[in-house]
C-alpha atoms as a PDB file:
ATOM      1  CA  MET A   1       0.000   0.000   0.000  1.00  0.00           C
ATOM      2  CA  SER A   2       2.719   2.501   0.929  1.00  0.00           C
ATOM      3  CA  GLY A   3       5.550   1.550  -1.408  1.00  0.00           C
ATOM      4  CA  LYS A   4       4.590   3.298  -4.682  1.00  0.00           C
ATOM      5  CA  TYR A   5       6.938   6.025  -5.840  1.00  0.00           C
ATOM      6  CA  PHE A   6       5.191   8.994  -7.436  1.00  0.00           C
ATOM      7  CA  GLN A   7       7.818  10.422  -9.772  1.00  0.00           C
ATOM      8  CA  GLN A   8       5.777  13.455 -10.780  1.00  0.00           C
ATOM      9  CA  LEU A   9       5.534  14.559  -7.141  1.00  0.00           C
ATOM     10  CA  ASP A  10       9.276  15.218  -7.285  1.00  0.00           C
ATOM     11  CA  GLY A  11       8.514  17.506 -10.219  1.00  0.00           C
ATOM     12  CA  LEU A  12       5.991  19.342  -8.047  1.00  0.00           C
ATOM     13  CA  ARG A  13       8.603  19.635  -5.283  1.00  0.00           C
ATOM     14  CA  CYS A  14      10.915  21.286  -7.789  1.00  0.00           C
ATOM     15  CA  ILE A  15       8.198  23.829  -8.587  1.00  0.00           C
ATOM     16  CA  ALA A  16       7.465  24.402  -4.887  1.00  0.00           C
ATOM     17  CA  VAL A  17      11.076  25.150  -3.935  1.00  0.00           C
ATOM     18  CA  THR A  18      11.516  27.370  -7.012  1.00  0.00           C
ATOM     19  CA  LEU A  19       8.538  29.480  -5.922  1.00  0.00           C
ATOM     20  CA  VAL A  20      10.173  29.930  -2.513  1.00  0.00           C
ATOM     21  CA  LEU A  21      13.453  30.972  -4.157  1.00  0.00           C
ATOM     22  CA  PHE A  22      11.681  33.536  -6.323  1.00  0.00           C
ATOM     23  CA  GLN A  23      10.139  35.288  -3.339  1.00  0.00           C
ATOM     24  CA  HIS A  24      13.194  35.190  -1.077  1.00  0.00           C
ATOM     25  CA  TRP A  25      15.807  36.095  -3.691  1.00  0.00           C
ATOM     26  CA  MET A  26      13.852  38.577  -5.774  1.00  0.00           C
ATOM     27  CA  ALA A  27      12.700  40.964  -3.071  1.00  0.00           C
ATOM     28  CA  LYS A  28      13.637  43.851  -5.369  1.00  0.00           C
ATOM     29  CA  SER A  29      11.227  42.539  -7.968  1.00  0.00           C
ATOM     30  CA  TYR A  30       7.801  43.991  -7.262  1.00  0.00           C
ATOM     31  CA  TRP A  31       5.746  41.187  -8.794  1.00  0.00           C
ATOM     32  CA  ALA A  32       7.603  38.394  -6.964  1.00  0.00           C
ATOM     33  CA  SER A  33       6.921  39.832  -3.514  1.00  0.00           C
ATOM     34  CA  MET A  34       3.425  41.006  -4.457  1.00  0.00           C
ATOM     35  CA  VAL A  35       2.117  37.565  -5.386  1.00  0.00           C
ATOM     36  CA  GLY A  36       3.587  35.783  -2.351  1.00  0.00           C
ATOM     37  CA  LEU A  37       5.117  32.955  -4.360  1.00  0.00           C
ATOM     38  CA  GLY A  38       7.009  31.577  -1.350  1.00  0.00           C
ATOM     39  CA  GLN A  39       3.790  31.046   0.585  1.00  0.00           C
ATOM     40  CA  VAL A  40       2.325  29.171  -2.369  1.00  0.00           C
ATOM     41  CA  GLY A  41       5.403  26.939  -2.551  1.00  0.00           C
ATOM     42  CA  VAL A  42       5.437  26.126   1.170  1.00  0.00           C
ATOM     43  CA  ASN A  43       1.745  25.227   1.144  1.00  0.00           C
ATOM     44  CA  LEU A  44       2.322  22.925  -1.831  1.00  0.00           C
ATOM     45  CA  PHE A  45       5.033  21.177   0.218  1.00  0.00           C
ATOM     46  CA  PHE A  46       2.507  20.763   3.045  1.00  0.00           C
ATOM     47  CA  VAL A  47      -0.116  19.085   0.858  1.00  0.00           C
ATOM     48  CA  ILE A  48       2.473  16.701  -0.603  1.00  0.00           C
ATOM     49  CA  SER A  49       3.741  15.852   2.896  1.00  0.00           C
ATOM     50  CA  GLY A  50       0.220  15.373   4.224  1.00  0.00           C
ATOM     51  CA  PHE A  51      -0.535  12.976   1.379  1.00  0.00           C
ATOM     52  CA  LEU A  52       2.638  10.894   1.645  1.00  0.00           C
ATOM     53  CA  ILE A  53       2.743  10.678   5.443  1.00  0.00           C
ATOM     54  CA  THR A  54      -0.949   9.830   5.809  1.00  0.00           C
ATOM     55  CA  ARG A  55      -0.660   7.165   3.123  1.00  0.00           C
ATOM     56  CA  ILE A  56       2.294   5.586   4.934  1.00  0.00           C
ATOM     57  CA  LEU A  57       0.380   5.588   8.210  1.00  0.00           C
ATOM     58  CA  LEU A  58      -2.735   4.095   6.623  1.00  0.00           C
ATOM     59  CA  GLY A  59      -0.595   1.294   5.199  1.00  0.00           C
ATOM     60  CA  SER A  60       0.859   0.594   8.657  1.00  0.00           C
ATOM     61  CA  LYS A  61      -2.643   0.600  10.146  1.00  0.00           C
ATOM     62  CA  GLU A  62      -3.786  -2.004   7.621  1.00  0.00           C
ATOM     63  CA  LYS A  63      -0.891  -4.279   8.626  1.00  0.00           C
ATOM     64  CA  GLN A  64      -1.886  -3.866  12.261  1.00  0.00           C
ATOM     65  CA  ALA A  65      -5.437  -4.925  11.389  1.00  0.00           C
ATOM     66  CA  LEU A  66      -4.062  -8.046   9.661  1.00  0.00           C
ATOM     67  CA  GLY A  67      -1.937  -8.863  12.705  1.00  0.00           C
ATOM     68  CA  GLU A  68       1.303  -8.429  10.768  1.00  0.00           C
ATOM     69  CA  ARG A  69       2.642  -5.821  13.186  1.00  0.00           C
ATOM     70  CA  THR A  70       1.780  -4.064  16.440  1.00  0.00           C
ATOM     71  CA  ILE A  71       1.211  -0.372  17.043  1.00  0.00           C
ATOM     72  CA  GLY A  72       4.583  -0.251  18.780  1.00  0.00           C
ATOM     73  CA  MET A  73       6.344  -1.735  15.754  1.00  0.00           C
ATOM     74  CA  SER A  74       4.586   0.713  13.425  1.00  0.00           C
ATOM     75  CA  MET A  75       5.501   3.693  15.622  1.00  0.00           C
ATOM     76  CA  LYS A  76       9.113   2.577  15.864  1.00  0.00           C
ATOM     77  CA  THR A  77       9.410   2.173  12.100  1.00  0.00           C
ATOM     78  CA  PHE A  78       7.652   5.449  11.307  1.00  0.00           C
ATOM     79  CA  TYR A  79       9.686   7.596  13.698  1.00  0.00           C
ATOM     80  CA  GLY A  80      12.895   5.803  12.758  1.00  0.00           C
ATOM     81  CA  ARG A  81      12.403   6.527   9.073  1.00  0.00           C
ATOM     82  CA  ARG A  82      11.339  10.133   9.727  1.00  0.00           C
ATOM     83  CA  PHE A  83      14.405  10.640  11.900  1.00  0.00           C
ATOM     84  CA  LEU A  84      16.708   9.376   9.155  1.00  0.00           C
ATOM     85  CA  ARG A  85      14.981  11.437   6.468  1.00  0.00           C
ATOM     86  CA  ILE A  86      14.851  14.754   8.343  1.00  0.00           C
ATOM     87  CA  PHE A  87      17.432  14.947  11.123  1.00  0.00           C
ATOM     88  CA  PRO A  88      20.900  14.111   9.670  1.00  0.00           C
ATOM     89  CA  VAL A  89      20.881  16.667   6.858  1.00  0.00           C
ATOM     90  CA  TYR A  90      19.022  19.232   8.990  1.00  0.00           C
ATOM     91  CA  TYR A  91      21.602  19.187  11.784  1.00  0.00           C
ATOM     92  CA  PHE A  92      24.428  19.045   9.247  1.00  0.00           C
ATOM     93  CA  VAL A  93      23.138  22.276   7.673  1.00  0.00           C
ATOM     94  CA  LEU A  94      22.642  23.854  11.108  1.00  0.00           C
ATOM     95  CA  LEU A  95      26.273  23.141  11.934  1.00  0.00           C
ATOM     96  CA  MET A  96      27.664  24.210   8.565  1.00  0.00           C
ATOM     97  CA  THR A  97      25.746  27.516   8.619  1.00  0.00           C
ATOM     98  CA  PHE A  98      26.556  28.238  12.263  1.00  0.00           C
ATOM     99  CA  ILE A  99      30.305  28.189  11.540  1.00  0.00           C
ATOM    100  CA  PRO A 100      30.303  31.161   9.089  1.00  0.00           C
ATOM    101  CA  PHE A 101      27.204  32.906  10.524  1.00  0.00           C
ATOM    102  CA  PRO A 102      27.239  32.442  14.318  1.00  0.00           C
ATOM    103  CA  GLY A 103      25.744  35.881  14.949  1.00  0.00           C
ATOM    104  CA  ILE A 104      22.753  35.163  12.713  1.00  0.00           C
ATOM    105  CA  ILE A 105      21.983  31.743  14.160  1.00  0.00           C
ATOM    106  CA  ARG A 106      23.069  31.886  17.813  1.00  0.00           C
ATOM    107  CA  GLU A 107      19.893  33.441  19.254  1.00  0.00           C
ATOM    108  CA  SER A 108      17.530  31.049  17.478  1.00  0.00           C
ATOM    109  CA  LEU A 109      19.739  27.938  17.651  1.00  0.00           C
ATOM    110  CA  PRO A 110      17.896  26.236  20.578  1.00  0.00           C
ATOM    111  CA  TRP A 111      14.594  26.757  18.749  1.00  0.00           C
ATOM    112  CA  ASN A 112      15.973  25.546  15.418  1.00  0.00           C
ATOM    113  CA  ALA A 113      17.591  22.510  17.053  1.00  0.00           C
ATOM    114  CA  THR A 114      14.302  21.454  18.671  1.00  0.00           C
ATOM    115  CA  PHE A 115      12.072  22.138  15.630  1.00  0.00           C
ATOM    116  CA  THR A 116      10.233  24.942  17.417  1.00  0.00           C
ATOM    117  CA  THR A 117      11.208  27.883  15.206  1.00  0.00           C
ATOM    118  CA  ASN A 118       7.537  28.578  14.557  1.00  0.00           C
ATOM    119  CA  ILE A 119       7.005  29.044  18.307  1.00  0.00           C
ATOM    120  CA  LEU A 120       9.899  31.527  18.423  1.00  0.00           C
ATOM    121  CA  ILE A 121       8.271  33.511  15.601  1.00  0.00           C
ATOM    122  CA  MET A 122       4.964  33.452  17.482  1.00  0.00           C
ATOM    123  CA  LEU A 123       6.610  34.744  20.663  1.00  0.00           C
ATOM    124  CA  LYS A 124       8.387  37.546  18.798  1.00  0.00           C
ATOM    125  CA  GLY A 125       5.396  38.330  16.620  1.00  0.00           C
ATOM    126  CA  ASP A 126       7.699  38.662  13.614  1.00  0.00           C
ATOM    127  CA  TRP A 127      10.182  36.818  11.403  1.00  0.00           C
ATOM    128  CA  VAL A 128      13.614  35.924  12.762  1.00  0.00           C
ATOM    129  CA  GLY A 129      15.939  36.581   9.832  1.00  0.00           C
ATOM    130  CA  ALA A 130      17.750  34.023   7.705  1.00  0.00           C
ATOM    131  CA  VAL A 131      16.414  31.041   9.669  1.00  0.00           C
ATOM    132  CA  SER A 132      12.756  32.090   9.445  1.00  0.00           C
ATOM    133  CA  HIS A 133      12.057  29.435   6.808  1.00  0.00           C
ATOM    134  CA  TYR A 134      12.731  26.706   9.379  1.00  0.00           C
ATOM    135  CA  TRP A 135       9.237  27.401  10.740  1.00  0.00           C
ATOM    136  CA  SER A 136       7.714  25.091   8.107  1.00  0.00           C
ATOM    137  CA  LEU A 137       9.982  22.215   9.151  1.00  0.00           C
ATOM    138  CA  ALA A 138       8.920  22.793  12.748  1.00  0.00           C
ATOM    139  CA  VAL A 139       5.253  22.557  11.740  1.00  0.00           C
ATOM    140  CA  GLU A 140       5.878  19.331   9.823  1.00  0.00           C
ATOM    141  CA  GLU A 141       7.752  17.743  12.742  1.00  0.00           C
ATOM    142  CA  GLN A 142       4.939  18.693  15.113  1.00  0.00           C
ATOM    143  CA  PHE A 143       2.489  17.174  12.620  1.00  0.00           C
ATOM    144  CA  TYR A 144       4.581  13.982  12.550  1.00  0.00           C
ATOM    145  CA  LEU A 145       4.409  13.757  16.338  1.00  0.00           C
ATOM    146  CA  PHE A 146       0.633  13.655  16.699  1.00  0.00           C
ATOM    147  CA  MET A 147      -0.523  12.193  13.372  1.00  0.00           C
ATOM    148  CA  PRO A 148       0.633   8.581  14.004  1.00  0.00           C
ATOM    149  CA  LEU A 149      -0.977   8.565  17.437  1.00  0.00           C
ATOM    150  CA  LEU A 150      -4.178   9.905  15.922  1.00  0.00           C
ATOM    151  CA  LEU A 151      -4.429   7.425  13.060  1.00  0.00           C
ATOM    152  CA  PHE A 152      -3.189   4.350  14.914  1.00  0.00           C
ATOM    153  CA  LEU A 153      -5.521   4.755  17.892  1.00  0.00           C
ATOM    154  CA  ILE A 154      -8.828   5.613  16.210  1.00  0.00           C
ATOM    155  CA  PRO A 155     -10.992   3.138  14.243  1.00  0.00           C
ATOM    156  CA  ARG A 156     -10.588   3.238  10.489  1.00  0.00           C
ATOM    157  CA  GLY A 157     -14.227   4.226  10.060  1.00  0.00           C
ATOM    158  CA  LYS A 158     -13.602   7.517  11.881  1.00  0.00           C
ATOM    159  CA  ILE A 159     -10.347   8.500  10.159  1.00  0.00           C
ATOM    160  CA  LEU A 160     -12.018  10.482   7.381  1.00  0.00           C
ATOM    161  CA  ARG A 161     -14.042  12.476   9.922  1.00  0.00           C
ATOM    162  CA  VAL A 162     -10.837  13.322  11.771  1.00  0.00           C
ATOM    163  CA  LEU A 163      -9.164  14.453   8.555  1.00  0.00           C
ATOM    164  CA  TYR A 164     -12.125  16.658   7.678  1.00  0.00           C
ATOM    165  CA  GLY A 165     -11.970  17.944  11.250  1.00  0.00           C
ATOM    166  CA  MET A 166      -8.414  19.095  10.525  1.00  0.00           C
ATOM    167  CA  LEU A 167      -9.785  21.238   7.699  1.00  0.00           C
ATOM    168  CA  ALA A 168     -12.204  22.877  10.102  1.00  0.00           C
ATOM    169  CA  ILE A 169      -9.576  23.378  12.816  1.00  0.00           C
ATOM    170  CA  GLY A 170      -7.173  25.068  10.401  1.00  0.00           C
ATOM    171  CA  LEU A 171      -9.756  27.558   9.142  1.00  0.00           C
ATOM    172  CA  LEU A 172     -11.338  28.218  12.551  1.00  0.00           C
ATOM    173  CA  SER A 173      -7.918  28.730  14.165  1.00  0.00           C
ATOM    174  CA  ARG A 174      -7.071  31.459  11.681  1.00  0.00           C
ATOM    175  CA  ILE A 175     -10.485  33.090  12.100  1.00  0.00           C
ATOM    176  CA  VAL A 176     -10.156  33.156  15.905  1.00  0.00           C
ATOM    177  CA  MET A 177      -6.575  34.475  15.827  1.00  0.00           C
ATOM    178  CA  TRP A 178      -7.553  37.071  13.242  1.00  0.00           C
ATOM    179  CA  PHE A 179     -10.313  38.502  15.427  1.00  0.00           C
ATOM    180  CA  MET A 180      -7.976  38.382  18.442  1.00  0.00           C
ATOM    181  CA  GLY A 181      -5.667  40.726  16.557  1.00  0.00           C
ATOM    182  CA  TYR A 182      -2.582  38.536  16.072  1.00  0.00           C
ATOM    183  CA  PRO A 183      -0.170  39.705  13.336  1.00  0.00           C
ATOM    184  CA  PHE A 184       0.147  37.787  10.084  1.00  0.00           C
ATOM    185  CA  PRO A 185       3.438  35.944  10.877  1.00  0.00           C
ATOM    186  CA  VAL A 186       1.942  34.506  14.077  1.00  0.00           C
ATOM    187  CA  ILE A 187      -1.189  33.235  12.341  1.00  0.00           C
ATOM    188  CA  TYR A 188       0.790  31.962   9.375  1.00  0.00           C
ATOM    189  CA  VAL A 189       3.230  29.765  11.335  1.00  0.00           C
ATOM    190  CA  ALA A 190       0.979  28.438  14.128  1.00  0.00           C
ATOM    191  CA  THR A 191       0.615  24.678  13.697  1.00  0.00           C
ATOM    192  CA  PRO A 192      -3.196  24.586  14.245  1.00  0.00           C
ATOM    193  CA  CYS A 193      -3.533  27.190  11.484  1.00  0.00           C
ATOM    194  CA  CYS A 194      -1.735  24.840   9.053  1.00  0.00           C
ATOM    195  CA  LEU A 195      -3.905  21.800   9.705  1.00  0.00           C
ATOM    196  CA  ASP A 196      -6.295  22.376   6.811  1.00  0.00           C
ATOM    197  CA  ILE A 197      -3.515  22.387   4.218  1.00  0.00           C
ATOM    198  CA  LEU A 198      -1.914  19.278   5.788  1.00  0.00           C
ATOM    199  CA  GLY A 199      -5.352  17.702   6.186  1.00  0.00           C
ATOM    200  CA  ALA A 200      -6.087  18.230   2.488  1.00  0.00           C
ATOM    201  CA  GLY A 201      -3.148  15.959   1.702  1.00  0.00           C
ATOM    202  CA  GLY A 202      -4.350  13.478   4.301  1.00  0.00           C
ATOM    203  CA  ILE A 203      -7.850  13.341   2.789  1.00  0.00           C
ATOM    204  CA  LEU A 204      -6.307  12.783  -0.626  1.00  0.00           C
ATOM    205  CA  ALA A 205      -4.330   9.835   0.781  1.00  0.00           C
ATOM    206  CA  TYR A 206      -7.465   8.319   2.340  1.00  0.00           C
ATOM    207  CA  TYR A 207      -9.441   8.510  -0.905  1.00  0.00           C
ATOM    208  CA  TYR A 208      -6.469   7.206  -2.898  1.00  0.00           C
ATOM    209  CA  GLU A 209      -6.277   4.102  -0.721  1.00  0.00           C
ATOM    210  CA  TYR A 210      -9.964   3.351  -0.136  1.00  0.00           C
ATOM    211  CA  ARG A 211     -11.982   5.140  -2.853  1.00  0.00           C
ATOM    212  CA  ARG A 212      -9.542   5.321  -5.728  1.00  0.00           C
ATOM    213  CA  GLU A 213     -12.091   4.941  -8.517  1.00  0.00           C
ATOM    214  CA  TRP A 214     -14.079   7.886  -7.167  1.00  0.00           C
ATOM    215  CA  LEU A 215     -10.899   9.942  -6.847  1.00  0.00           C
ATOM    216  CA  LEU A 216      -9.926   9.092 -10.415  1.00  0.00           C
ATOM    217  CA  ARG A 217     -13.299  10.407 -11.610  1.00  0.00           C
ATOM    218  CA  VAL A 218     -12.776  13.592  -9.596  1.00  0.00           C
ATOM    219  CA  SER A 219      -9.331  13.989 -11.156  1.00  0.00           C
ATOM    220  CA  GLY A 220     -10.787  13.891 -14.646  1.00  0.00           C
ATOM    221  CA  ARG A 221     -14.022  15.747 -13.976  1.00  0.00           C
ATOM    222  CA  TYR A 222     -12.809  18.849 -12.160  1.00  0.00           C
ATOM    223  CA  HIS A 223      -9.863  19.794 -14.367  1.00  0.00           C
ATOM    224  CA  ARG A 224     -11.317  23.196 -15.270  1.00  0.00           C
ATOM    225  CA  GLU A 225     -12.431  23.898 -11.710  1.00  0.00           C
ATOM    226  CA  MET A 226      -8.885  23.182 -10.513  1.00  0.00           C
ATOM    227  CA  TRP A 227      -7.453  25.981 -12.640  1.00  0.00           C
ATOM    228  CA  TRP A 228     -10.210  28.371 -11.551  1.00  0.00           C
ATOM    229  CA  LEU A 229      -9.228  27.631  -7.953  1.00  0.00           C
ATOM    230  CA  GLY A 230      -5.655  28.450  -8.953  1.00  0.00           C
ATOM    231  CA  VAL A 231      -6.792  31.817 -10.277  1.00  0.00           C
ATOM    232  CA  LEU A 232      -8.808  32.401  -7.094  1.00  0.00           C
ATOM    233  CA  SER A 233      -5.710  31.563  -5.038  1.00  0.00           C
ATOM    234  CA  LEU A 234      -3.720  34.134  -6.998  1.00  0.00           C
ATOM    235  CA  LEU A 235      -6.406  36.759  -6.420  1.00  0.00           C
ATOM    236  CA  SER A 236      -6.380  36.046  -2.688  1.00  0.00           C
ATOM    237  CA  PHE A 237      -2.678  36.963  -2.634  1.00  0.00           C
ATOM    238  CA  LEU A 238      -3.198  39.994  -4.852  1.00  0.00           C
ATOM    239  CA  SER A 239      -5.645  41.248  -2.210  1.00  0.00           C
ATOM    240  CA  ILE A 240      -2.516  42.351  -0.324  1.00  0.00           C
ATOM    241  CA  GLU A 241      -2.146  45.147  -2.871  1.00  0.00           C
ATOM    242  CA  ILE A 242      -5.723  46.298  -2.385  1.00  0.00           C
ATOM    243  CA  PHE A 243      -6.256  45.888   1.359  1.00  0.00           C
ATOM    244  CA  GLY A 244      -2.698  45.531   2.727  1.00  0.00           C
ATOM    245  CA  LEU A 245      -0.908  42.542   4.254  1.00  0.00           C
ATOM    246  CA  GLN A 246      -3.294  42.267   7.191  1.00  0.00           C
ATOM    247  CA  ASN A 247      -6.518  41.512   5.367  1.00  0.00           C
ATOM    248  CA  PHE A 248      -9.011  38.731   6.020  1.00  0.00           C
ATOM    249  CA  ILE A 249      -8.870  37.265   2.511  1.00  0.00           C
ATOM    250  CA  HIS A 250      -5.125  36.760   2.569  1.00  0.00           C
ATOM    251  CA  VAL A 251      -4.551  35.883   6.223  1.00  0.00           C
ATOM    252  CA  VAL A 252      -7.554  33.603   6.728  1.00  0.00           C
ATOM    253  CA  LEU A 253      -8.961  32.405   3.418  1.00  0.00           C
ATOM    254  CA  SER A 254      -5.958  32.064   1.071  1.00  0.00           C
ATOM    255  CA  ARG A 255      -4.694  28.851   2.685  1.00  0.00           C
ATOM    256  CA  THR A 256      -8.171  27.271   2.513  1.00  0.00           C
ATOM    257  CA  ILE A 257      -8.431  28.124  -1.187  1.00  0.00           C
ATOM    258  CA  LEU A 258      -4.920  26.775  -1.770  1.00  0.00           C
ATOM    259  CA  SER A 259      -5.817  23.539   0.035  1.00  0.00           C
ATOM    260  CA  LEU A 260      -8.648  22.941  -2.456  1.00  0.00           C
ATOM    261  CA  PHE A 261      -6.489  23.870  -5.445  1.00  0.00           C
ATOM    262  CA  PHE A 262      -3.560  21.705  -4.348  1.00  0.00           C
ATOM    263  CA  PHE A 263      -5.871  18.810  -3.465  1.00  0.00           C
ATOM    264  CA  LEU A 264      -6.929  18.668  -7.125  1.00  0.00           C
ATOM    265  CA  LEU A 265      -3.437  19.452  -8.462  1.00  0.00           C
ATOM    266  CA  VAL A 266      -1.719  16.721  -6.435  1.00  0.00           C
ATOM    267  CA  CYS A 267      -4.622  14.377  -7.238  1.00  0.00           C
ATOM    268  CA  LYS A 268      -3.988  14.889 -10.967  1.00  0.00           C
ATOM    269  CA  THR A 269      -0.265  14.389 -10.372  1.00  0.00           C
ATOM    270  CA  ILE A 270      -0.479  11.070  -8.508  1.00  0.00           C
ATOM    271  CA  PHE A 271      -2.555   9.692 -11.394  1.00  0.00           C
ATOM    272  CA  GLU A 272       0.187  11.064 -13.655  1.00  0.00           C
ATOM    273  CA  TRP A 273      -0.235  13.917 -16.079  1.00  0.00           C
ATOM    274  CA  SER A 274       0.170  13.154 -19.755  1.00  0.00           C
ATOM    275  CA  GLY A 275       1.384  15.387 -22.556  1.00  0.00           C
ATOM    276  CA  LYS A 276       3.862  18.246 -22.194  1.00  0.00           C
ATOM    277  CA  TRP A 277       3.089  18.870 -18.513  1.00  0.00           C
ATOM    278  CA  GLY A 278       3.685  15.212 -17.673  1.00  0.00           C
ATOM    279  CA  ARG A 279       6.941  15.148 -19.632  1.00  0.00           C
ATOM    280  CA  PHE A 280       8.080  18.278 -17.801  1.00  0.00           C
ATOM    281  CA  LEU A 281       7.341  16.814 -14.359  1.00  0.00           C
ATOM    282  CA  GLU A 282       9.139  13.577 -15.297  1.00  0.00           C
ATOM    283  CA  HIS A 283      12.174  15.212 -16.894  1.00  0.00           C
ATOM    284  CA  PRO A 284      15.272  13.747 -15.174  1.00  0.00           C
ATOM    285  CA  PHE A 285      16.700  17.169 -14.273  1.00  0.00           C
ATOM    286  CA  ILE A 286      13.373  18.405 -12.824  1.00  0.00           C
ATOM    287  CA  VAL A 287      13.011  15.159 -10.849  1.00  0.00           C
ATOM    288  CA  TYR A 288      16.578  15.568  -9.569  1.00  0.00           C
ATOM    289  CA  LEU A 289      15.834  19.117  -8.416  1.00  0.00           C
ATOM    290  CA  GLY A 290      12.767  17.762  -6.633  1.00  0.00           C
ATOM    291  CA  LYS A 291      14.807  15.063  -4.915  1.00  0.00           C
ATOM    292  CA  THR A 292      17.331  17.642  -3.680  1.00  0.00           C
ATOM    293  CA  SER A 293      14.662  20.217  -2.768  1.00  0.00           C
ATOM    294  CA  TYR A 294      14.987  19.528   0.974  1.00  0.00           C
ATOM    295  CA  SER A 295      18.678  20.454   1.008  1.00  0.00           C
ATOM    296  CA  ALA A 296      17.990  23.394  -1.297  1.00  0.00           C
ATOM    297  CA  TYR A 297      15.235  24.667   0.987  1.00  0.00           C
ATOM    298  CA  LEU A 298      17.450  24.403   4.071  1.00  0.00           C
ATOM    299  CA  LEU A 299      20.358  26.249   2.442  1.00  0.00           C
ATOM    300  CA  HIS A 300      18.776  28.850   0.182  1.00  0.00           C
ATOM    301  CA  ASN A 301      18.518  31.772   2.622  1.00  0.00           C
ATOM    302  CA  PHE A 302      22.262  31.616   3.287  1.00  0.00           C
ATOM    303  CA  VAL A 303      23.390  31.796  -0.351  1.00  0.00           C
ATOM    304  CA  PRO A 304      23.066  35.618  -0.646  1.00  0.00           C
ATOM    305  CA  LYS A 305      25.050  35.971   2.583  1.00  0.00           C
ATOM    306  CA  LEU A 306      27.785  33.682   1.298  1.00  0.00           C
ATOM    307  CA  LEU A 307      28.121  35.873  -1.803  1.00  0.00           C
ATOM    308  CA  PHE A 308      27.978  39.249  -0.036  1.00  0.00           C
ATOM    309  CA  TRP A 309      31.547  39.972  -1.205  1.00  0.00           C
ATOM    310  CA  ALA A 310      30.926  39.211  -4.886  1.00  0.00           C
ATOM    311  CA  PRO A 311      30.322  42.003  -7.440  1.00  0.00           C
ATOM    312  CA  LEU A 312      26.871  40.747  -8.412  1.00  0.00           C
ATOM    313  CA  PRO A 313      24.804  42.312 -11.217  1.00  0.00           C
ATOM    314  CA  GLU A 314      21.983  44.698 -10.367  1.00  0.00           C
ATOM    315  CA  ASN A 315      19.516  42.829 -12.563  1.00  0.00           C
ATOM    316  CA  VAL A 316      17.432  40.628 -10.242  1.00  0.00           C
ATOM    317  CA  PHE A 317      17.065  37.825 -12.794  1.00  0.00           C
ATOM    318  CA  ALA A 318      20.812  37.631 -13.443  1.00  0.00           C
ATOM    319  CA  ARG A 319      21.456  37.662  -9.702  1.00  0.00           C
ATOM    320  CA  PHE A 320      18.833  34.951  -9.231  1.00  0.00           C
ATOM    321  CA  MET A 321      20.608  32.679 -11.705  1.00  0.00           C
ATOM    322  CA  ILE A 322      23.958  33.138  -9.936  1.00  0.00           C
ATOM    323  CA  TYR A 323      22.367  32.309  -6.588  1.00  0.00           C
ATOM    324  CA  TRP A 324      20.632  29.298  -8.143  1.00  0.00           C
ATOM    325  CA  VAL A 325      23.865  27.834  -9.575  1.00  0.00           C
ATOM    326  CA  VAL A 326      25.599  28.199  -6.196  1.00  0.00           C
ATOM    327  CA  LEU A 327      22.619  26.619  -4.438  1.00  0.00           C
ATOM    328  CA  LEU A 328      22.552  23.751  -6.925  1.00  0.00           C
ATOM    329  CA  ILE A 329      26.215  23.016  -6.175  1.00  0.00           C
ATOM    330  CA  LEU A 330      25.707  23.184  -2.398  1.00  0.00           C
ATOM    331  CA  SER A 331      22.517  21.111  -2.396  1.00  0.00           C
ATOM    332  CA  THR A 332      24.142  18.505  -4.667  1.00  0.00           C
ATOM    333  CA  ILE A 333      27.066  18.188  -2.253  1.00  0.00           C
ATOM    334  CA  THR A 334      24.675  17.844   0.691  1.00  0.00           C
ATOM    335  CA  TRP A 335      22.518  15.355  -1.220  1.00  0.00           C
ATOM    336  CA  LYS A 336      25.425  13.101  -2.136  1.00  0.00           C
ATOM    337  CA  LEU A 337      27.301  13.492   1.145  1.00  0.00           C
ATOM    338  CA  ILE A 338      24.420  13.161   3.637  1.00  0.00           C
ATOM    339  CA  GLU A 339      20.987  12.511   2.168  1.00  0.00           C
ATOM    340  CA  LEU A 340      21.717   9.743  -0.328  1.00  0.00           C
ATOM    341  CA  PRO A 341      23.743   7.504   2.053  1.00  0.00           C
ATOM    342  CA  VAL A 342      21.109   7.950   4.762  1.00  0.00           C
ATOM    343  CA  LEU A 343      18.273   7.141   2.344  1.00  0.00           C
ATOM    344  CA  ARG A 344      20.045   3.924   1.362  1.00  0.00           C
ATOM    345  CA  PHE A 345      20.323   2.967   5.000  1.00  0.00           C
ATOM    346  CA  LYS A 346      16.681   3.911   5.618  1.00  0.00           C
ATOM    347  CA  LYS A 347      15.571   1.089   3.311  1.00  0.00           C
ATOM    348  CA  HIS A 348      16.475  -1.359   6.085  1.00  0.00           C
ATOM    349  CA  LEU A 349      13.555   0.053   8.116  1.00  0.00           C
ATOM    350  CA  SER A 350      10.806  -1.400   5.966  1.00  0.00           C
ATOM    351  CA  TYR A 351       7.107  -0.821   6.488  1.00  0.00           C
END
């Protein structure tokens, strides 16, 4: 149940990390910051993670029902594999960036090291510099902590209700925090406020495993509606220009709209796109960039600081390409040095 590799999802990961790079590296470009591309990319990562993790957990739950393994065995395997996938390269990057940039990282290091950067941002009420992007990893780790307990301990017949409940909790959390007057960064990084986008991936996993024929019909039937949701998502971010950063549409509703759009987009992707779009997502170089997207995401905010001494061009696109080449080199080194050997070892912890 949980062993299928979805090649085109790596293509989507490539797109997601590229959107983040555009926003963070092209701050001088009006359109890049206006549209909020980085937020779109991070939320796409969340839906993909919600889908893959929930699918893995559902597969483990089925083996428990068949008596092939206990809850304890499933928990041990899940957390062991998550540890190997996330921790080695994460702490390697923390160490390697602390050496040249101790002043930037020192204050937030305890929070980064314990995957609680989002809590630090909530306490400060604002972003925390070059390590701010670690908030999304903190949210995912917190999601990984409670999701296995939730799915392993409740009956299968109630799982879908719980996943739909996550949609409601995410939206209601943002509504409550909005009316309580919390600033955008606090609402954006709070784990309860991310549950609808993670839950959208979880619901997709449930339907893929247990109602696949229905999901396949949805994938083919709502193609046009998917792109209209994409346009609506874009408009929700453009509302920043009309009403300012702190507006209800952007702060509260944009993530809900994105969860619907990405539900359909990822759904189409796991059933594999055909034509030019499918060939693009399956292109070996795009797939490679998707595979190395974790390292790239961890490192990208430090690339401009590494090149502070270089006489870079004023043109933001030319500067972007220089940053991207440097990041590609660094993420490739990290991938081959840390991630790939660990992933090979991870195969010994089979579901």
